[in-house]
N, C-alpha and C. Protein backbone atom coordinates (compact mmCIF):
# COMPACT_ATOMS: atom_id res chain seq x y z
N UNK A 1 -40.69 11.13 158.03
CA UNK A 1 -39.43 10.22 158.42
C UNK A 1 -39.58 8.92 157.91
N UNK A 2 -40.74 8.41 158.24
CA UNK A 2 -41.03 6.81 157.91
C UNK A 2 -40.89 6.87 156.32
N UNK A 3 -41.63 7.73 155.73
CA UNK A 3 -41.80 7.85 154.33
C UNK A 3 -40.38 7.49 153.56
N UNK A 4 -39.53 8.40 153.99
CA UNK A 4 -38.13 8.35 153.57
C UNK A 4 -37.40 7.05 153.68
N UNK A 5 -37.62 6.47 154.96
CA UNK A 5 -37.25 5.19 155.26
C UNK A 5 -37.83 4.12 154.28
N UNK A 6 -39.20 4.34 153.88
CA UNK A 6 -39.81 3.27 153.28
C UNK A 6 -39.14 3.50 151.70
N UNK A 7 -38.98 4.70 151.38
CA UNK A 7 -38.36 5.07 149.94
C UNK A 7 -37.04 4.18 149.85
N UNK A 8 -36.18 4.33 150.94
CA UNK A 8 -34.94 3.72 150.85
C UNK A 8 -35.00 2.18 150.86
N UNK A 9 -35.88 1.53 151.57
CA UNK A 9 -36.12 0.25 151.37
C UNK A 9 -36.49 -0.32 150.14
N UNK A 10 -37.57 0.47 149.48
CA UNK A 10 -38.02 0.06 148.12
C UNK A 10 -36.96 0.30 147.09
N UNK A 11 -36.23 1.45 147.21
CA UNK A 11 -34.92 1.72 146.56
C UNK A 11 -34.01 0.38 146.53
N UNK A 12 -33.79 0.08 147.64
CA UNK A 12 -32.78 -1.03 147.86
C UNK A 12 -33.03 -2.21 146.98
N UNK A 13 -34.53 -2.72 147.14
CA UNK A 13 -34.88 -3.75 146.62
C UNK A 13 -34.93 -3.58 145.02
N UNK A 14 -35.28 -2.40 144.66
CA UNK A 14 -35.52 -2.04 143.30
C UNK A 14 -34.12 -2.09 142.52
N UNK A 15 -33.15 -1.57 143.19
CA UNK A 15 -31.67 -1.60 142.60
C UNK A 15 -31.25 -2.88 142.51
N UNK A 16 -31.73 -3.93 143.57
CA UNK A 16 -31.11 -5.44 143.28
C UNK A 16 -31.90 -6.07 142.08
N UNK A 17 -33.21 -5.59 142.03
CA UNK A 17 -33.92 -6.05 140.82
C UNK A 17 -33.56 -5.59 139.42
N UNK A 18 -33.15 -4.14 139.42
CA UNK A 18 -32.58 -3.66 138.32
C UNK A 18 -31.30 -4.18 137.84
N UNK A 19 -30.46 -4.58 138.80
CA UNK A 19 -29.26 -5.29 138.73
C UNK A 19 -29.38 -6.69 138.05
N UNK A 20 -30.55 -7.47 138.44
CA UNK A 20 -30.89 -8.60 137.87
C UNK A 20 -31.37 -8.64 136.48
N UNK A 21 -32.26 -7.57 136.23
CA UNK A 21 -32.88 -7.21 134.83
C UNK A 21 -31.76 -6.76 133.87
N UNK A 22 -30.84 -6.11 134.42
CA UNK A 22 -29.82 -5.50 133.47
C UNK A 22 -28.45 -6.12 133.88
N UNK A 23 -28.09 -7.23 133.47
CA UNK A 23 -26.79 -7.98 133.69
C UNK A 23 -25.73 -7.23 132.94
N UNK A 24 -24.53 -7.48 133.41
CA UNK A 24 -23.42 -7.08 132.80
C UNK A 24 -22.47 -6.35 133.64
N UNK A 25 -21.33 -5.88 133.23
CA UNK A 25 -20.52 -5.29 134.30
C UNK A 25 -20.63 -3.98 134.39
N UNK A 26 -20.87 -3.78 135.98
CA UNK A 26 -21.22 -2.47 136.29
C UNK A 26 -19.86 -2.03 137.00
N UNK A 27 -19.46 -0.70 136.80
CA UNK A 27 -18.35 -0.23 137.36
C UNK A 27 -18.94 0.05 138.88
N UNK A 28 -18.26 -0.72 140.10
CA UNK A 28 -18.65 -0.29 141.32
C UNK A 28 -19.44 -1.52 142.09
N UNK A 29 -20.06 -2.37 141.20
CA UNK A 29 -20.70 -3.61 141.73
C UNK A 29 -21.84 -3.46 142.45
N UNK A 30 -22.33 -4.27 143.42
CA UNK A 30 -23.78 -4.22 143.97
C UNK A 30 -24.00 -3.06 144.89
N UNK A 31 -22.95 -2.54 145.52
CA UNK A 31 -23.28 -1.46 146.36
C UNK A 31 -23.68 -0.14 145.58
N UNK A 32 -22.87 -0.10 144.64
CA UNK A 32 -23.13 1.28 143.86
C UNK A 32 -24.62 1.08 143.03
N UNK A 33 -24.74 -0.25 142.62
CA UNK A 33 -26.04 -0.50 142.03
C UNK A 33 -27.25 -0.21 143.05
N UNK A 34 -27.06 -0.84 144.35
CA UNK A 34 -28.12 -0.57 145.13
C UNK A 34 -28.38 1.08 145.59
N UNK A 35 -27.28 1.91 145.69
CA UNK A 35 -27.33 3.15 145.72
C UNK A 35 -28.00 3.73 144.48
N UNK A 36 -27.87 3.51 143.35
CA UNK A 36 -28.49 3.93 142.00
C UNK A 36 -29.90 3.52 142.21
N UNK A 37 -30.41 2.26 142.72
CA UNK A 37 -31.74 1.84 143.11
C UNK A 37 -32.31 2.69 143.91
N UNK A 38 -31.77 3.11 145.09
CA UNK A 38 -32.34 4.05 146.02
C UNK A 38 -32.62 5.48 145.26
N UNK A 39 -31.57 6.01 144.60
CA UNK A 39 -31.69 7.12 143.85
C UNK A 39 -33.11 7.07 142.81
N UNK A 40 -32.94 6.01 142.22
CA UNK A 40 -34.11 6.02 141.23
C UNK A 40 -35.46 5.84 141.93
N UNK A 41 -35.52 5.24 143.12
CA UNK A 41 -36.80 5.23 143.81
C UNK A 41 -37.11 6.75 144.35
N UNK A 42 -36.05 7.48 144.71
CA UNK A 42 -36.30 8.72 145.18
C UNK A 42 -36.66 9.72 144.06
N UNK A 43 -36.00 9.55 143.05
CA UNK A 43 -36.37 10.30 141.71
C UNK A 43 -37.71 10.03 141.26
N UNK A 44 -37.98 8.78 141.25
CA UNK A 44 -39.54 8.42 140.69
C UNK A 44 -40.51 8.85 141.68
N UNK A 45 -40.30 8.80 142.79
CA UNK A 45 -41.32 9.36 143.99
C UNK A 45 -41.50 10.89 143.61
N UNK A 46 -40.40 11.47 143.52
CA UNK A 46 -40.71 12.95 143.44
C UNK A 46 -41.16 13.47 142.13
N UNK A 47 -40.62 12.76 141.16
CA UNK A 47 -41.16 13.19 139.83
C UNK A 47 -42.68 12.60 139.79
N UNK A 48 -43.19 11.39 140.23
CA UNK A 48 -44.43 11.05 140.42
C UNK A 48 -45.29 12.12 141.17
N UNK A 49 -44.85 12.74 142.20
CA UNK A 49 -45.55 13.94 142.77
C UNK A 49 -45.61 15.09 142.02
N UNK A 50 -44.68 15.45 141.28
CA UNK A 50 -44.58 16.61 140.42
C UNK A 50 -45.63 16.44 139.26
N UNK A 51 -45.74 15.23 138.77
CA UNK A 51 -46.68 15.03 137.60
C UNK A 51 -47.97 14.79 138.02
N UNK A 52 -48.09 14.51 139.33
CA UNK A 52 -49.53 14.29 140.05
C UNK A 52 -50.04 12.82 140.21
N UNK A 53 -49.01 12.03 140.14
CA UNK A 53 -49.39 10.57 140.14
C UNK A 53 -49.70 10.09 141.75
N UNK A 54 -48.72 10.91 142.54
CA UNK A 54 -48.65 10.47 144.04
C UNK A 54 -49.00 11.83 144.87
N UNK A 55 -49.68 11.75 145.89
CA UNK A 55 -49.98 12.75 146.58
C UNK A 55 -48.81 13.05 147.71
N UNK A 56 -48.82 14.04 148.39
CA UNK A 56 -47.77 14.29 149.45
C UNK A 56 -47.80 13.02 150.55
N UNK A 57 -46.85 12.72 150.66
CA UNK A 57 -46.64 11.48 151.79
C UNK A 57 -46.77 10.07 151.07
N UNK A 58 -46.91 9.91 149.85
CA UNK A 58 -47.06 8.80 149.13
C UNK A 58 -45.70 8.38 148.56
N UNK A 59 -45.35 7.41 148.32
CA UNK A 59 -43.87 7.18 147.64
C UNK A 59 -44.43 6.42 146.49
N UNK A 60 -43.22 6.22 145.36
CA UNK A 60 -43.50 5.54 144.26
C UNK A 60 -43.75 4.14 144.50
N UNK A 61 -44.57 3.47 143.55
CA UNK A 61 -44.80 1.96 143.67
C UNK A 61 -43.58 1.22 143.42
N UNK A 62 -43.52 -0.01 143.59
CA UNK A 62 -42.35 -0.86 143.34
C UNK A 62 -42.03 -0.80 141.84
N UNK A 63 -42.93 -0.98 141.04
CA UNK A 63 -42.77 -1.02 139.63
C UNK A 63 -42.08 0.45 139.11
N UNK A 64 -42.60 1.52 139.58
CA UNK A 64 -42.02 2.79 139.22
C UNK A 64 -40.69 2.97 139.97
N UNK A 65 -40.39 2.47 140.94
CA UNK A 65 -39.02 2.50 141.60
C UNK A 65 -38.16 1.54 140.67
N UNK A 66 -38.44 0.57 140.32
CA UNK A 66 -37.55 -0.36 139.32
C UNK A 66 -37.24 0.24 138.14
N UNK A 67 -38.36 0.93 137.61
CA UNK A 67 -38.31 1.74 136.36
C UNK A 67 -37.02 2.77 136.73
N UNK A 68 -37.49 3.57 137.64
CA UNK A 68 -36.46 4.69 138.01
C UNK A 68 -34.95 4.28 138.19
N UNK A 69 -34.84 3.11 138.74
CA UNK A 69 -33.61 2.45 139.05
C UNK A 69 -32.83 1.90 137.64
N UNK A 70 -33.69 1.36 136.78
CA UNK A 70 -33.01 1.20 135.52
C UNK A 70 -32.60 2.30 134.95
N UNK A 71 -33.38 3.47 134.77
CA UNK A 71 -33.08 4.61 134.06
C UNK A 71 -31.83 5.19 134.66
N UNK A 72 -31.57 5.32 135.94
CA UNK A 72 -30.57 5.65 136.54
C UNK A 72 -29.36 4.88 136.25
N UNK A 73 -29.52 3.50 136.28
CA UNK A 73 -28.45 2.69 136.07
C UNK A 73 -27.93 2.93 134.57
N UNK A 74 -28.86 2.95 133.73
CA UNK A 74 -28.39 3.15 132.11
C UNK A 74 -27.69 4.61 132.07
N UNK A 75 -28.12 5.49 132.74
CA UNK A 75 -27.40 6.83 132.66
C UNK A 75 -25.94 6.62 133.39
N UNK A 76 -25.84 5.95 134.44
CA UNK A 76 -24.73 5.61 135.15
C UNK A 76 -23.57 5.05 134.18
N UNK A 77 -24.12 3.95 133.59
CA UNK A 77 -23.39 3.10 132.59
C UNK A 77 -22.82 4.05 131.55
N UNK A 78 -23.91 4.90 130.91
CA UNK A 78 -23.11 5.73 129.86
C UNK A 78 -22.16 6.76 130.19
N UNK A 79 -22.25 7.20 131.35
CA UNK A 79 -21.40 8.24 131.97
C UNK A 79 -19.93 7.67 132.22
N UNK A 80 -20.08 6.38 132.89
CA UNK A 80 -18.72 5.60 133.04
C UNK A 80 -18.03 5.20 131.97
N UNK A 81 -18.93 4.88 130.77
CA UNK A 81 -18.33 4.41 129.57
C UNK A 81 -17.59 5.46 128.89
N UNK A 82 -18.32 6.62 128.93
CA UNK A 82 -17.64 7.89 128.33
C UNK A 82 -16.36 8.30 129.01
N UNK A 83 -16.30 8.29 130.27
CA UNK A 83 -15.39 8.89 131.00
C UNK A 83 -13.99 7.82 131.03
N UNK A 84 -14.41 6.59 130.82
CA UNK A 84 -13.24 5.59 130.61
C UNK A 84 -12.69 5.37 129.32
N UNK A 85 -13.41 5.97 128.42
CA UNK A 85 -12.89 6.02 126.87
C UNK A 85 -11.80 7.05 126.67
């Protein structure tokens, strides 16, 4: 349970950093970006476990969470861009 809480906290910070690194007009604003950061941290944690970078009970590092958040943010922007066009 604490592991999931830690992933959420890291994801929150990673989402904020991803927003700072990728400025621009995001549909949804800061809350959506933060949620995408949490999703990026969760995805990078489970992907890292699948690949073998992390053991069970370990969460993704801060850099991996930021990279995951940026990837999720880019995909989100592409989806929103296509749906609005």
